[in-house]
PDB file of all heavy atoms in Angstrom:
ATOM      1  N   VAL A   1     -23.844 -17.156 -17.688  1.00  0.00           N
ATOM      2  CA  VAL A   1     -22.714 -17.744 -16.981  1.00  0.00           C
ATOM      3  C   VAL A   1     -23.030 -17.937 -15.503  1.00  0.00           C
ATOM      4  O   VAL A   1     -22.962 -19.047 -14.971  1.00  0.00           O
ATOM      5  CB  VAL A   1     -21.442 -16.888 -17.119  1.00  0.00           C
ATOM      6  CG1 VAL A   1     -20.291 -17.500 -16.315  1.00  0.00           C
ATOM      7  CG2 VAL A   1     -21.058 -16.748 -18.587  1.00  0.00           C
ATOM      8  N   ALA A   2     -23.378 -16.848 -14.815  1.00  0.00           N
ATOM      9  CA  ALA A   2     -23.624 -16.903 -13.376  1.00  0.00           C
ATOM     10  C   ALA A   2     -24.469 -15.711 -12.963  1.00  0.00           C
ATOM     11  O   ALA A   2     -24.495 -14.690 -13.644  1.00  0.00           O
ATOM     12  CB  ALA A   2     -22.307 -16.912 -12.598  1.00  0.00           C
ATOM     13  N   ALA A   3     -25.147 -15.831 -11.820  1.00  0.00           N
ATOM     14  CA  ALA A   3     -25.988 -14.747 -11.342  1.00  0.00           C
ATOM     15  C   ALA A   3     -26.109 -14.765  -9.831  1.00  0.00           C
ATOM     16  O   ALA A   3     -25.983 -15.817  -9.195  1.00  0.00           O
ATOM     17  CB  ALA A   3     -27.383 -14.826 -11.961  1.00  0.00           C
ATOM     18  N   THR A   4     -26.348 -13.588  -9.262  1.00  0.00           N
ATOM     19  CA  THR A   4     -26.740 -13.460  -7.860  1.00  0.00           C
ATOM     20  C   THR A   4     -28.085 -12.759  -7.826  1.00  0.00           C
ATOM     21  O   THR A   4     -28.277 -11.742  -8.496  1.00  0.00           O
ATOM     22  CB  THR A   4     -25.714 -12.670  -7.024  1.00  0.00           C
ATOM     23  OG1 THR A   4     -25.601 -11.330  -7.523  1.00  0.00           O
ATOM     24  CG2 THR A   4     -24.360 -13.347  -7.054  1.00  0.00           C
ATOM     25  N   ARG A   5     -29.012 -13.309  -7.064  1.00  0.00           N
ATOM     26  CA  ARG A   5     -30.340 -12.738  -6.948  1.00  0.00           C
ATOM     27  C   ARG A   5     -30.618 -12.357  -5.502  1.00  0.00           C
ATOM     28  O   ARG A   5     -30.425 -13.166  -4.588  1.00  0.00           O
ATOM     29  CB  ARG A   5     -31.397 -13.723  -7.459  1.00  0.00           C
ATOM     30  CG  ARG A   5     -32.791 -13.135  -7.522  1.00  0.00           C
ATOM     31  CD  ARG A   5     -33.739 -14.044  -8.258  1.00  0.00           C
ATOM     32  NE  ARG A   5     -34.020 -15.259  -7.510  1.00  0.00           N
ATOM     33  CZ  ARG A   5     -34.841 -16.211  -7.925  1.00  0.00           C
ATOM     34  NH1 ARG A   5     -35.445 -16.084  -9.097  1.00  0.00           N
ATOM     35  NH2 ARG A   5     -35.030 -17.289  -7.181  1.00  0.00           N
ATOM     36  N   TRP A   6     -31.081 -11.134  -5.316  1.00  0.00           N
ATOM     37  CA  TRP A   6     -31.372 -10.642  -3.985  1.00  0.00           C
ATOM     38  C   TRP A   6     -32.571 -11.362  -3.398  1.00  0.00           C
ATOM     39  O   TRP A   6     -33.607 -11.496  -4.050  1.00  0.00           O
ATOM     40  CB  TRP A   6     -31.644  -9.138  -4.031  1.00  0.00           C
ATOM     41  CG  TRP A   6     -31.985  -8.531  -2.721  1.00  0.00           C
ATOM     42  CD1 TRP A   6     -31.136  -8.255  -1.689  1.00  0.00           C
ATOM     43  CD2 TRP A   6     -33.277  -8.107  -2.289  1.00  0.00           C
ATOM     44  NE1 TRP A   6     -31.820  -7.687  -0.641  1.00  0.00           N
ATOM     45  CE2 TRP A   6     -33.137  -7.578  -0.984  1.00  0.00           C
ATOM     46  CE3 TRP A   6     -34.547  -8.116  -2.881  1.00  0.00           C
ATOM     47  CZ2 TRP A   6     -34.213  -7.068  -0.263  1.00  0.00           C
ATOM     48  CZ3 TRP A   6     -35.616  -7.609  -2.164  1.00  0.00           C
ATOM     49  CH2 TRP A   6     -35.439  -7.093  -0.877  1.00  0.00           C
ATOM     50  N   ILE A   7     -32.426 -11.815  -2.152  1.00  0.00           N
ATOM     51  CA  ILE A   7     -33.509 -12.471  -1.435  1.00  0.00           C
ATOM     52  C   ILE A   7     -34.104 -11.499  -0.430  1.00  0.00           C
ATOM     53  O   ILE A   7     -35.285 -11.156  -0.485  1.00  0.00           O
ATOM     54  CB  ILE A   7     -33.032 -13.748  -0.711  1.00  0.00           C
ATOM     55  CG1 ILE A   7     -32.384 -14.718  -1.697  1.00  0.00           C
ATOM     56  CG2 ILE A   7     -34.200 -14.396   0.019  1.00  0.00           C
ATOM     57  CD1 ILE A   7     -33.317 -15.184  -2.787  1.00  0.00           C
ATOM     58  N   SER A   8     -33.292 -11.042   0.521  1.00  0.00           N
ATOM     59  CA  SER A   8     -33.668 -10.047   1.512  1.00  0.00           C
ATOM     60  C   SER A   8     -32.417  -9.618   2.261  1.00  0.00           C
ATOM     61  O   SER A   8     -31.485 -10.411   2.421  1.00  0.00           O
ATOM     62  CB  SER A   8     -34.718 -10.587   2.491  1.00  0.00           C
ATOM     63  OG  SER A   8     -34.188 -11.656   3.248  1.00  0.00           O
ATOM     64  N   GLY A   9     -32.393  -8.375   2.713  1.00  0.00           N
ATOM     65  CA  GLY A   9     -31.228  -7.893   3.435  1.00  0.00           C
ATOM     66  C   GLY A   9     -29.960  -8.071   2.629  1.00  0.00           C
ATOM     67  O   GLY A   9     -29.834  -7.527   1.523  1.00  0.00           O
ATOM     68  N   THR A  10     -29.027  -8.837   3.173  1.00  0.00           N
ATOM     69  CA  THR A  10     -27.779  -9.131   2.476  1.00  0.00           C
ATOM     70  C   THR A  10     -27.715 -10.583   2.032  1.00  0.00           C
ATOM     71  O   THR A  10     -26.631 -11.107   1.774  1.00  0.00           O
ATOM     72  CB  THR A  10     -26.566  -8.804   3.367  1.00  0.00           C
ATOM     73  OG1 THR A  10     -26.646  -9.541   4.588  1.00  0.00           O
ATOM     74  CG2 THR A  10     -26.525  -7.316   3.687  1.00  0.00           C
ATOM     75  N   SER A  11     -28.857 -11.226   1.935  1.00  0.00           N
ATOM     76  CA  SER A  11     -28.921 -12.617   1.511  1.00  0.00           C
ATOM     77  C   SER A  11     -29.174 -12.697   0.014  1.00  0.00           C
ATOM     78  O   SER A  11     -30.073 -12.034  -0.514  1.00  0.00           O
ATOM     79  CB  SER A  11     -30.022 -13.364   2.270  1.00  0.00           C
ATOM     80  OG  SER A  11     -29.752 -13.403   3.661  1.00  0.00           O
ATOM     81  N   TYR A  12     -28.394 -13.532  -0.659  1.00  0.00           N
ATOM     82  CA  TYR A  12     -28.498 -13.710  -2.094  1.00  0.00           C
ATOM     83  C   TYR A  12     -28.401 -15.179  -2.444  1.00  0.00           C
ATOM     84  O   TYR A  12     -27.764 -15.966  -1.749  1.00  0.00           O
ATOM     85  CB  TYR A  12     -27.378 -12.959  -2.832  1.00  0.00           C
ATOM     86  CG  TYR A  12     -27.374 -11.478  -2.608  1.00  0.00           C
ATOM     87  CD1 TYR A  12     -26.706 -10.931  -1.523  1.00  0.00           C
ATOM     88  CD2 TYR A  12     -28.049 -10.626  -3.478  1.00  0.00           C
ATOM     89  CE1 TYR A  12     -26.712  -9.563  -1.304  1.00  0.00           C
ATOM     90  CE2 TYR A  12     -28.055  -9.262  -3.267  1.00  0.00           C
ATOM     91  CZ  TYR A  12     -27.389  -8.734  -2.183  1.00  0.00           C
ATOM     92  OH  TYR A  12     -27.395  -7.375  -1.972  1.00  0.00           O
ATOM     93  N   SER A  13     -29.041 -15.536  -3.540  1.00  0.00           N
ATOM     94  CA  SER A  13     -28.878 -16.864  -4.087  1.00  0.00           C
ATOM     95  C   SER A  13     -27.920 -16.780  -5.267  1.00  0.00           C
ATOM     96  O   SER A  13     -27.770 -15.721  -5.874  1.00  0.00           O
ATOM     97  CB  SER A  13     -30.221 -17.445  -4.539  1.00  0.00           C
ATOM     98  OG  SER A  13     -30.781 -16.674  -5.584  1.00  0.00           O
ATOM     99  N   ALA A  14     -27.279 -17.889  -5.586  1.00  0.00           N
ATOM    100  CA  ALA A  14     -26.332 -17.927  -6.696  1.00  0.00           C
ATOM    101  C   ALA A  14     -26.708 -19.048  -7.655  1.00  0.00           C
ATOM    102  O   ALA A  14     -27.088 -20.136  -7.226  1.00  0.00           O
ATOM    103  CB  ALA A  14     -24.908 -18.124  -6.191  1.00  0.00           C
ATOM    104  N   ASP A  15     -26.603 -18.766  -8.933  1.00  0.00           N
ATOM    105  CA  ASP A  15     -26.906 -19.747  -9.967  1.00  0.00           C
ATOM    106  C   ASP A  15     -25.777 -19.764 -10.981  1.00  0.00           C
ATOM    107  O   ASP A  15     -25.167 -18.734 -11.267  1.00  0.00           O
ATOM    108  CB  ASP A  15     -28.230 -19.415 -10.663  1.00  0.00           C
ATOM    109  CG  ASP A  15     -29.415 -19.464  -9.719  1.00  0.00           C
ATOM    110  OD1 ASP A  15     -29.772 -20.572  -9.281  1.00  0.00           O
ATOM    111  OD2 ASP A  15     -29.977 -18.391  -9.421  1.00  0.00           O
ATOM    112  N   PHE A  16     -25.517 -20.938 -11.541  1.00  0.00           N
ATOM    113  CA  PHE A  16     -24.429 -21.089 -12.498  1.00  0.00           C
ATOM    114  C   PHE A  16     -24.861 -21.952 -13.671  1.00  0.00           C
ATOM    115  O   PHE A  16     -25.667 -22.877 -13.518  1.00  0.00           O
ATOM    116  CB  PHE A  16     -23.208 -21.743 -11.840  1.00  0.00           C
ATOM    117  CG  PHE A  16     -22.661 -20.967 -10.684  1.00  0.00           C
ATOM    118  CD1 PHE A  16     -23.080 -21.222  -9.391  1.00  0.00           C
ATOM    119  CD2 PHE A  16     -21.722 -19.973 -10.896  1.00  0.00           C
ATOM    120  CE1 PHE A  16     -22.580 -20.504  -8.326  1.00  0.00           C
ATOM    121  CE2 PHE A  16     -21.211 -19.241  -9.833  1.00  0.00           C
ATOM    122  CZ  PHE A  16     -21.645 -19.509  -8.552  1.00  0.00           C
ATOM    123  N   ALA A  17     -24.307 -21.637 -14.819  1.00  0.00           N
ATOM    124  CA  ALA A  17     -24.497 -22.499 -15.968  1.00  0.00           C
ATOM    125  C   ALA A  17     -23.788 -23.823 -15.727  1.00  0.00           C
ATOM    126  O   ALA A  17     -22.756 -23.877 -15.052  1.00  0.00           O
ATOM    127  CB  ALA A  17     -23.953 -21.838 -17.225  1.00  0.00           C
ATOM    128  N   ASP A  18     -24.336 -24.898 -16.281  1.00  0.00           N
ATOM    129  CA  ASP A  18     -23.735 -26.214 -16.086  1.00  0.00           C
ATOM    130  C   ASP A  18     -22.281 -26.253 -16.553  1.00  0.00           C
ATOM    131  O   ASP A  18     -21.452 -26.956 -15.971  1.00  0.00           O
ATOM    132  CB  ASP A  18     -24.534 -27.279 -16.827  1.00  0.00           C
ATOM    133  CG  ASP A  18     -25.878 -27.557 -16.181  1.00  0.00           C
ATOM    134  OD1 ASP A  18     -26.076 -27.178 -15.015  1.00  0.00           O
ATOM    135  OD2 ASP A  18     -26.736 -28.167 -16.853  1.00  0.00           O
ATOM    136  N   SER A  19     -21.965 -25.491 -17.577  1.00  0.00           N
ATOM    137  CA  SER A  19     -20.628 -25.511 -18.151  1.00  0.00           C
ATOM    138  C   SER A  19     -19.556 -24.938 -17.225  1.00  0.00           C
ATOM    139  O   SER A  19     -18.369 -25.185 -17.432  1.00  0.00           O
ATOM    140  CB  SER A  19     -20.613 -24.755 -19.483  1.00  0.00           C
ATOM    141  OG  SER A  19     -21.009 -23.408 -19.301  1.00  0.00           O
ATOM    142  N   VAL A  20     -19.968 -24.174 -16.205  1.00  0.00           N
ATOM    143  CA  VAL A  20     -18.989 -23.549 -15.316  1.00  0.00           C
ATOM    144  C   VAL A  20     -19.137 -23.980 -13.867  1.00  0.00           C
ATOM    145  O   VAL A  20     -18.324 -23.577 -13.026  1.00  0.00           O
ATOM    146  CB  VAL A  20     -19.048 -22.007 -15.403  1.00  0.00           C
ATOM    147  CG1 VAL A  20     -18.879 -21.546 -16.842  1.00  0.00           C
ATOM    148  CG2 VAL A  20     -20.348 -21.471 -14.811  1.00  0.00           C
ATOM    149  N   LYS A  21     -20.142 -24.781 -13.545  1.00  0.00           N
ATOM    150  CA  LYS A  21     -20.343 -25.223 -12.166  1.00  0.00           C
ATOM    151  C   LYS A  21     -19.108 -25.948 -11.643  1.00  0.00           C
ATOM    152  O   LYS A  21     -18.526 -26.781 -12.326  1.00  0.00           O
ATOM    153  CB  LYS A  21     -21.562 -26.140 -12.071  1.00  0.00           C
ATOM    154  CG  LYS A  21     -22.886 -25.418 -12.125  1.00  0.00           C
ATOM    155  CD  LYS A  21     -24.049 -26.323 -11.734  1.00  0.00           C
ATOM    156  CE  LYS A  21     -24.166 -27.518 -12.660  1.00  0.00           C
ATOM    157  NZ  LYS A  21     -25.362 -28.349 -12.342  1.00  0.00           N
ATOM    158  N   GLY A  22     -18.728 -25.608 -10.426  1.00  0.00           N
ATOM    159  CA  GLY A  22     -17.556 -26.209  -9.812  1.00  0.00           C
ATOM    160  C   GLY A  22     -16.260 -25.517 -10.161  1.00  0.00           C
ATOM    161  O   GLY A  22     -15.227 -25.788  -9.535  1.00  0.00           O
ATOM    162  N   ARG A  23     -16.281 -24.630 -11.154  1.00  0.00           N
ATOM    163  CA  ARG A  23     -15.083 -23.912 -11.572  1.00  0.00           C
ATOM    164  C   ARG A  23     -15.176 -22.410 -11.311  1.00  0.00           C
ATOM    165  O   ARG A  23     -14.178 -21.786 -10.975  1.00  0.00           O
ATOM    166  CB  ARG A  23     -14.804 -24.142 -13.062  1.00  0.00           C
ATOM    167  CG  ARG A  23     -14.559 -25.596 -13.426  1.00  0.00           C
ATOM    168  CD  ARG A  23     -14.074 -25.729 -14.866  1.00  0.00           C
ATOM    169  NE  ARG A  23     -15.074 -25.257 -15.827  1.00  0.00           N
ATOM    170  CZ  ARG A  23     -14.878 -24.273 -16.702  1.00  0.00           C
ATOM    171  NH1 ARG A  23     -13.711 -23.640 -16.733  1.00  0.00           N
ATOM    172  NH2 ARG A  23     -15.833 -23.919 -17.544  1.00  0.00           N
ATOM    173  N   PHE A  24     -16.361 -21.845 -11.466  1.00  0.00           N
ATOM    174  CA  PHE A  24     -16.562 -20.412 -11.290  1.00  0.00           C
ATOM    175  C   PHE A  24     -17.344 -20.138 -10.012  1.00  0.00           C
ATOM    176  O   PHE A  24     -18.204 -20.927  -9.617  1.00  0.00           O
ATOM    177  CB  PHE A  24     -17.362 -19.820 -12.453  1.00  0.00           C
ATOM    178  CG  PHE A  24     -16.654 -19.783 -13.779  1.00  0.00           C
ATOM    179  CD1 PHE A  24     -15.446 -20.426 -13.979  1.00  0.00           C
ATOM    180  CD2 PHE A  24     -17.220 -19.086 -14.832  1.00  0.00           C
ATOM    181  CE1 PHE A  24     -14.806 -20.391 -15.210  1.00  0.00           C
ATOM    182  CE2 PHE A  24     -16.598 -19.035 -16.065  1.00  0.00           C
ATOM    183  CZ  PHE A  24     -15.391 -19.686 -16.257  1.00  0.00           C
ATOM    184  N   THR A  25     -17.052 -19.014  -9.373  1.00  0.00           N
ATOM    185  CA  THR A  25     -17.853 -18.533  -8.262  1.00  0.00           C
ATOM    186  C   THR A  25     -18.200 -17.071  -8.506  1.00  0.00           C
ATOM    187  O   THR A  25     -17.442 -16.344  -9.149  1.00  0.00           O
ATOM    188  CB  THR A  25     -17.137 -18.684  -6.905  1.00  0.00           C
ATOM    189  OG1 THR A  25     -15.897 -17.973  -6.940  1.00  0.00           O
ATOM    190  CG2 THR A  25     -16.875 -20.145  -6.591  1.00  0.00           C
ATOM    191  N   CYS A  26     -19.348 -16.658  -7.994  1.00  0.00           N
ATOM    192  CA  CYS A  26     -19.826 -15.300  -8.188  1.00  0.00           C
ATOM    193  C   CYS A  26     -20.151 -14.691  -6.823  1.00  0.00           C
ATOM    194  O   CYS A  26     -20.771 -15.355  -5.985  1.00  0.00           O
ATOM    195  CB  CYS A  26     -21.064 -15.308  -9.083  1.00  0.00           C
ATOM    196  SG  CYS A  26     -21.678 -13.672  -9.541  1.00  0.00           S
ATOM    197  N   SER A  27     -19.733 -13.458  -6.613  1.00  0.00           N
ATOM    198  CA  SER A  27     -19.998 -12.791  -5.350  1.00  0.00           C
ATOM    199  C   SER A  27     -20.216 -11.303  -5.595  1.00  0.00           C
ATOM    200  O   SER A  27     -19.918 -10.789  -6.673  1.00  0.00           O
ATOM    201  CB  SER A  27     -18.849 -13.008  -4.359  1.00  0.00           C
ATOM    202  OG  SER A  27     -17.639 -12.477  -4.867  1.00  0.00           O
ATOM    203  N   ARG A  28     -20.721 -10.615  -4.577  1.00  0.00           N
ATOM    204  CA  ARG A  28     -20.959  -9.183  -4.708  1.00  0.00           C
ATOM    205  C   ARG A  28     -20.606  -8.463  -3.420  1.00  0.00           C
ATOM    206  O   ARG A  28     -20.692  -9.024  -2.328  1.00  0.00           O
ATOM    207  CB  ARG A  28     -22.407  -8.896  -5.118  1.00  0.00           C
ATOM    208  CG  ARG A  28     -23.458  -9.433  -4.165  1.00  0.00           C
ATOM    209  CD  ARG A  28     -24.830  -9.467  -4.835  1.00  0.00           C
ATOM    210  NE  ARG A  28     -25.367  -8.141  -5.091  1.00  0.00           N
ATOM    211  CZ  ARG A  28     -26.423  -7.884  -5.859  1.00  0.00           C
ATOM    212  NH1 ARG A  28     -27.053  -8.893  -6.468  1.00  0.00           N
ATOM    213  NH2 ARG A  28     -26.841  -6.642  -6.030  1.00  0.00           N
ATOM    214  N   ASP A  29     -20.207  -7.214  -3.567  1.00  0.00           N
ATOM    215  CA  ASP A  29     -19.898  -6.337  -2.447  1.00  0.00           C
ATOM    216  C   ASP A  29     -20.754  -5.097  -2.625  1.00  0.00           C
ATOM    217  O   ASP A  29     -20.413  -4.201  -3.398  1.00  0.00           O
ATOM    218  CB  ASP A  29     -18.415  -5.985  -2.422  1.00  0.00           C
ATOM    219  CG  ASP A  29     -18.023  -5.173  -1.205  1.00  0.00           C
ATOM    220  OD1 ASP A  29     -18.900  -4.538  -0.584  1.00  0.00           O
ATOM    221  OD2 ASP A  29     -16.824  -5.163  -0.863  1.00  0.00           O
ATOM    222  N   ASN A  30     -21.871  -5.040  -1.913  1.00  0.00           N
ATOM    223  CA  ASN A  30     -22.808  -3.947  -2.097  1.00  0.00           C
ATOM    224  C   ASN A  30     -22.257  -2.600  -1.638  1.00  0.00           C
ATOM    225  O   ASN A  30     -22.623  -1.562  -2.193  1.00  0.00           O
ATOM    226  CB  ASN A  30     -24.114  -4.254  -1.369  1.00  0.00           C
ATOM    227  CG  ASN A  30     -24.856  -5.413  -1.984  1.00  0.00           C
ATOM    228  OD1 ASN A  30     -24.965  -5.520  -3.203  1.00  0.00           O
ATOM    229  ND2 ASN A  30     -25.373  -6.294  -1.146  1.00  0.00           N
ATOM    230  N   ALA A  31     -21.381  -2.604  -0.637  1.00  0.00           N
ATOM    231  CA  ALA A  31     -20.781  -1.365  -0.170  1.00  0.00           C
ATOM    232  C   ALA A  31     -19.948  -0.708  -1.259  1.00  0.00           C
ATOM    233  O   ALA A  31     -19.796   0.513  -1.291  1.00  0.00           O
ATOM    234  CB  ALA A  31     -19.928  -1.617   1.066  1.00  0.00           C
ATOM    235  N   LYS A  32     -19.402  -1.514  -2.151  1.00  0.00           N
ATOM    236  CA  LYS A  32     -18.584  -1.017  -3.250  1.00  0.00           C
ATOM    237  C   LYS A  32     -19.326  -1.017  -4.578  1.00  0.00           C
ATOM    238  O   LYS A  32     -18.742  -0.668  -5.610  1.00  0.00           O
ATOM    239  CB  LYS A  32     -17.311  -1.850  -3.386  1.00  0.00           C
ATOM    240  CG  LYS A  32     -16.406  -1.809  -2.167  1.00  0.00           C
ATOM    241  CD  LYS A  32     -15.170  -2.672  -2.382  1.00  0.00           C
ATOM    242  CE  LYS A  32     -14.249  -2.628  -1.181  1.00  0.00           C
ATOM    243  NZ  LYS A  32     -13.051  -3.488  -1.372  1.00  0.00           N
ATOM    244  N   ASN A  33     -20.595  -1.395  -4.554  1.00  0.00           N
ATOM    245  CA  ASN A  33     -21.365  -1.530  -5.791  1.00  0.00           C
ATOM    246  C   ASN A  33     -20.594  -2.372  -6.802  1.00  0.00           C
ATOM    247  O   ASN A  33     -20.410  -1.983  -7.956  1.00  0.00           O
ATOM    248  CB  ASN A  33     -21.699  -0.168  -6.391  1.00  0.00           C
ATOM    249  CG  ASN A  33     -22.978   0.426  -5.845  1.00  0.00           C
ATOM    250  OD1 ASN A  33     -23.660  -0.171  -5.017  1.00  0.00           O
ATOM    251  ND2 ASN A  33     -23.314   1.623  -6.308  1.00  0.00           N
ATOM    252  N   ALA A  34     -20.138  -3.531  -6.347  1.00  0.00           N
ATOM    253  CA  ALA A  34     -19.283  -4.368  -7.178  1.00  0.00           C
ATOM    254  C   ALA A  34     -19.777  -5.804  -7.236  1.00  0.00           C
ATOM    255  O   ALA A  34     -20.334  -6.333  -6.267  1.00  0.00           O
ATOM    256  CB  ALA A  34     -17.851  -4.334  -6.660  1.00  0.00           C
ATOM    257  N   LEU A  35     -19.549  -6.425  -8.370  1.00  0.00           N
ATOM    258  CA  LEU A  35     -19.857  -7.824  -8.608  1.00  0.00           C
ATOM    259  C   LEU A  35     -18.580  -8.490  -9.102  1.00  0.00           C
ATOM    260  O   LEU A  35     -17.829  -7.903  -9.886  1.00  0.00           O
ATOM    261  CB  LEU A  35     -20.957  -7.958  -9.654  1.00  0.00           C
ATOM    262  CG  LEU A  35     -21.382  -9.373 -10.045  1.00  0.00           C
ATOM    263  CD1 LEU A  35     -22.189 -10.014  -8.920  1.00  0.00           C
ATOM    264  CD2 LEU A  35     -22.194  -9.339 -11.333  1.00  0.00           C
ATOM    265  N   TYR A  36     -18.338  -9.720  -8.661  1.00  0.00           N
ATOM    266  CA  TYR A  36     -17.104 -10.418  -9.016  1.00  0.00           C
ATOM    267  C   TYR A  36     -17.406 -11.787  -9.610  1.00  0.00           C
ATOM    268  O   TYR A  36     -18.399 -12.431  -9.270  1.00  0.00           O
ATOM    269  CB  TYR A  36     -16.208 -10.597  -7.794  1.00  0.00           C
ATOM    270  CG  TYR A  36     -15.900  -9.310  -7.082  1.00  0.00           C
ATOM    271  CD1 TYR A  36     -16.613  -8.938  -5.942  1.00  0.00           C
ATOM    272  CD2 TYR A  36     -14.910  -8.461  -7.547  1.00  0.00           C
ATOM    273  CE1 TYR A  36     -16.341  -7.754  -5.290  1.00  0.00           C
ATOM    274  CE2 TYR A  36     -14.630  -7.272  -6.901  1.00  0.00           C
ATOM    275  CZ  TYR A  36     -15.341  -6.919  -5.776  1.00  0.00           C
ATOM    276  OH  TYR A  36     -15.074  -5.739  -5.133  1.00  0.00           O
ATOM    277  N   LEU A  37     -16.529 -12.224 -10.479  1.00  0.00           N
ATOM    278  CA  LEU A  37     -16.593 -13.568 -11.026  1.00  0.00           C
ATOM    279  C   LEU A  37     -15.198 -14.166 -10.933  1.00  0.00           C
ATOM    280  O   LEU A  37     -14.285 -13.735 -11.631  1.00  0.00           O
ATOM    281  CB  LEU A  37     -17.069 -13.560 -12.482  1.00  0.00           C
ATOM    282  CG  LEU A  37     -17.228 -14.930 -13.137  1.00  0.00           C
ATOM    283  CD1 LEU A  37     -18.390 -15.695 -12.493  1.00  0.00           C
ATOM    284  CD2 LEU A  37     -17.459 -14.791 -14.639  1.00  0.00           C
ATOM    285  N   GLN A  38     -15.042 -15.149 -10.046  1.00  0.00           N
ATOM    286  CA  GLN A  38     -13.778 -15.864  -9.913  1.00  0.00           C
ATOM    287  C   GLN A  38     -13.826 -17.079 -10.826  1.00  0.00           C
ATOM    288  O   GLN A  38     -14.683 -17.945 -10.661  1.00  0.00           O
ATOM    289  CB  GLN A  38     -13.550 -16.294  -8.466  1.00  0.00           C
ATOM    290  CG  GLN A  38     -12.273 -17.090  -8.240  1.00  0.00           C
ATOM    291  CD  GLN A  38     -11.023 -16.281  -8.481  1.00  0.00           C
ATOM    292  OE1 GLN A  38     -10.910 -15.157  -8.014  1.00  0.00           O
ATOM    293  NE2 GLN A  38     -10.078 -16.845  -9.222  1.00  0.00           N
ATOM    294  N   MET A  39     -12.917 -17.139 -11.776  1.00  0.00           N
ATOM    295  CA  MET A  39     -12.892 -18.200 -12.770  1.00  0.00           C
ATOM    296  C   MET A  39     -11.646 -19.046 -12.560  1.00  0.00           C
ATOM    297  O   MET A  39     -10.531 -18.551 -12.692  1.00  0.00           O
ATOM    298  CB  MET A  39     -12.919 -17.624 -14.183  1.00  0.00           C
ATOM    299  CG  MET A  39     -14.081 -16.672 -14.436  1.00  0.00           C
ATOM    300  SD  MET A  39     -14.160 -16.104 -16.158  1.00  0.00           S
ATOM    301  CE  MET A  39     -12.649 -15.142 -16.233  1.00  0.00           C
ATOM    302  N   ASN A  40     -11.854 -20.309 -12.235  1.00  0.00           N
ATOM    303  CA  ASN A  40     -10.754 -21.241 -12.014  1.00  0.00           C
ATOM    304  C   ASN A  40     -10.798 -22.363 -13.039  1.00  0.00           C
ATOM    305  O   ASN A  40     -11.827 -22.615 -13.666  1.00  0.00           O
ATOM    306  CB  ASN A  40     -10.836 -21.831 -10.605  1.00  0.00           C
ATOM    307  CG  ASN A  40     -10.755 -20.790  -9.521  1.00  0.00           C
ATOM    308  OD1 ASN A  40      -9.955 -19.865  -9.589  1.00  0.00           O
ATOM    309  ND2 ASN A  40     -11.587 -20.944  -8.488  1.00  0.00           N
ATOM    310  N   THR A  41      -9.685 -23.047 -13.178  1.00  0.00           N
ATOM    311  CA  THR A  41      -9.572 -24.170 -14.103  1.00  0.00           C
ATOM    312  C   THR A  41     -10.132 -23.792 -15.471  1.00  0.00           C
ATOM    313  O   THR A  41     -10.971 -24.493 -16.041  1.00  0.00           O
ATOM    314  CB  THR A  41     -10.288 -25.417 -13.539  1.00  0.00           C
ATOM    315  OG1 THR A  41     -10.019 -25.547 -12.140  1.00  0.00           O
ATOM    316  CG2 THR A  41      -9.777 -26.688 -14.238  1.00  0.00           C
ATOM    317  N   LEU A  42      -9.657 -22.689 -15.987  1.00  0.00           N
ATOM    318  CA  LEU A  42     -10.171 -22.176 -17.250  1.00  0.00           C
ATOM    319  C   LEU A  42      -9.851 -23.111 -18.412  1.00  0.00           C
ATOM    320  O   LEU A  42      -8.800 -23.750 -18.446  1.00  0.00           O
ATOM    321  CB  LEU A  42      -9.613 -20.787 -17.520  1.00  0.00           C
ATOM    322  CG  LEU A  42     -10.277 -19.674 -16.704  1.00  0.00           C
ATOM    323  CD1 LEU A  42      -9.400 -18.428 -16.678  1.00  0.00           C
ATOM    324  CD2 LEU A  42     -11.652 -19.353 -17.282  1.00  0.00           C
ATOM    325  N   LYS A  43     -10.781 -23.160 -19.361  1.00  0.00           N
ATOM    326  CA  LYS A  43     -10.659 -23.980 -20.547  1.00  0.00           C
ATOM    327  C   LYS A  43     -10.718 -23.099 -21.789  1.00  0.00           C
ATOM    328  O   LYS A  43     -11.288 -22.012 -21.747  1.00  0.00           O
ATOM    329  CB  LYS A  43     -11.797 -25.003 -20.611  1.00  0.00           C
ATOM    330  CG  LYS A  43     -11.916 -25.906 -19.398  1.00  0.00           C
ATOM    331  CD  LYS A  43     -13.138 -26.801 -19.517  1.00  0.00           C
ATOM    332  CE  LYS A  43     -13.271 -27.709 -18.320  1.00  0.00           C
ATOM    333  NZ  LYS A  43     -14.472 -28.578 -18.429  1.00  0.00           N
ATOM    334  N   PRO A  44     -10.155 -23.550 -22.907  1.00  0.00           N
ATOM    335  CA  PRO A  44     -10.265 -22.762 -24.142  1.00  0.00           C
ATOM    336  C   PRO A  44     -11.714 -22.433 -24.502  1.00  0.00           C
ATOM    337  O   PRO A  44     -11.972 -21.371 -25.080  1.00  0.00           O
ATOM    338  CB  PRO A  44      -9.620 -23.665 -25.188  1.00  0.00           C
ATOM    339  CG  PRO A  44      -8.614 -24.449 -24.420  1.00  0.00           C
ATOM    340  CD  PRO A  44      -9.274 -24.714 -23.088  1.00  0.00           C
ATOM    341  N   GLU A  45     -12.648 -23.302 -24.151  1.00  0.00           N
ATOM    342  CA  GLU A  45     -14.057 -23.068 -24.422  1.00  0.00           C
ATOM    343  C   GLU A  45     -14.628 -21.878 -23.655  1.00  0.00           C
ATOM    344  O   GLU A  45     -15.717 -21.404 -23.981  1.00  0.00           O
ATOM    345  CB  GLU A  45     -14.888 -24.315 -24.076  1.00  0.00           C
ATOM    346  CG  GLU A  45     -14.461 -25.561 -24.825  1.00  0.00           C
ATOM    347  CD  GLU A  45     -13.472 -26.399 -24.036  1.00  0.00           C
ATOM    348  OE1 GLU A  45     -12.291 -25.981 -23.949  1.00  0.00           O
ATOM    349  OE2 GLU A  45     -13.869 -27.461 -23.512  1.00  0.00           O
TER     350      GLU A  45
END
């Protein structure tokens, strides 16, 4: 679905499946050891 890859420091790259691009966003909060997926315009699929 989506991924964040560590580059250096607090810099990350983000990748998304074509099926969710433009609708989903992915982020992380390292201080909280947390990863998030914001899903908008959801479809039955």
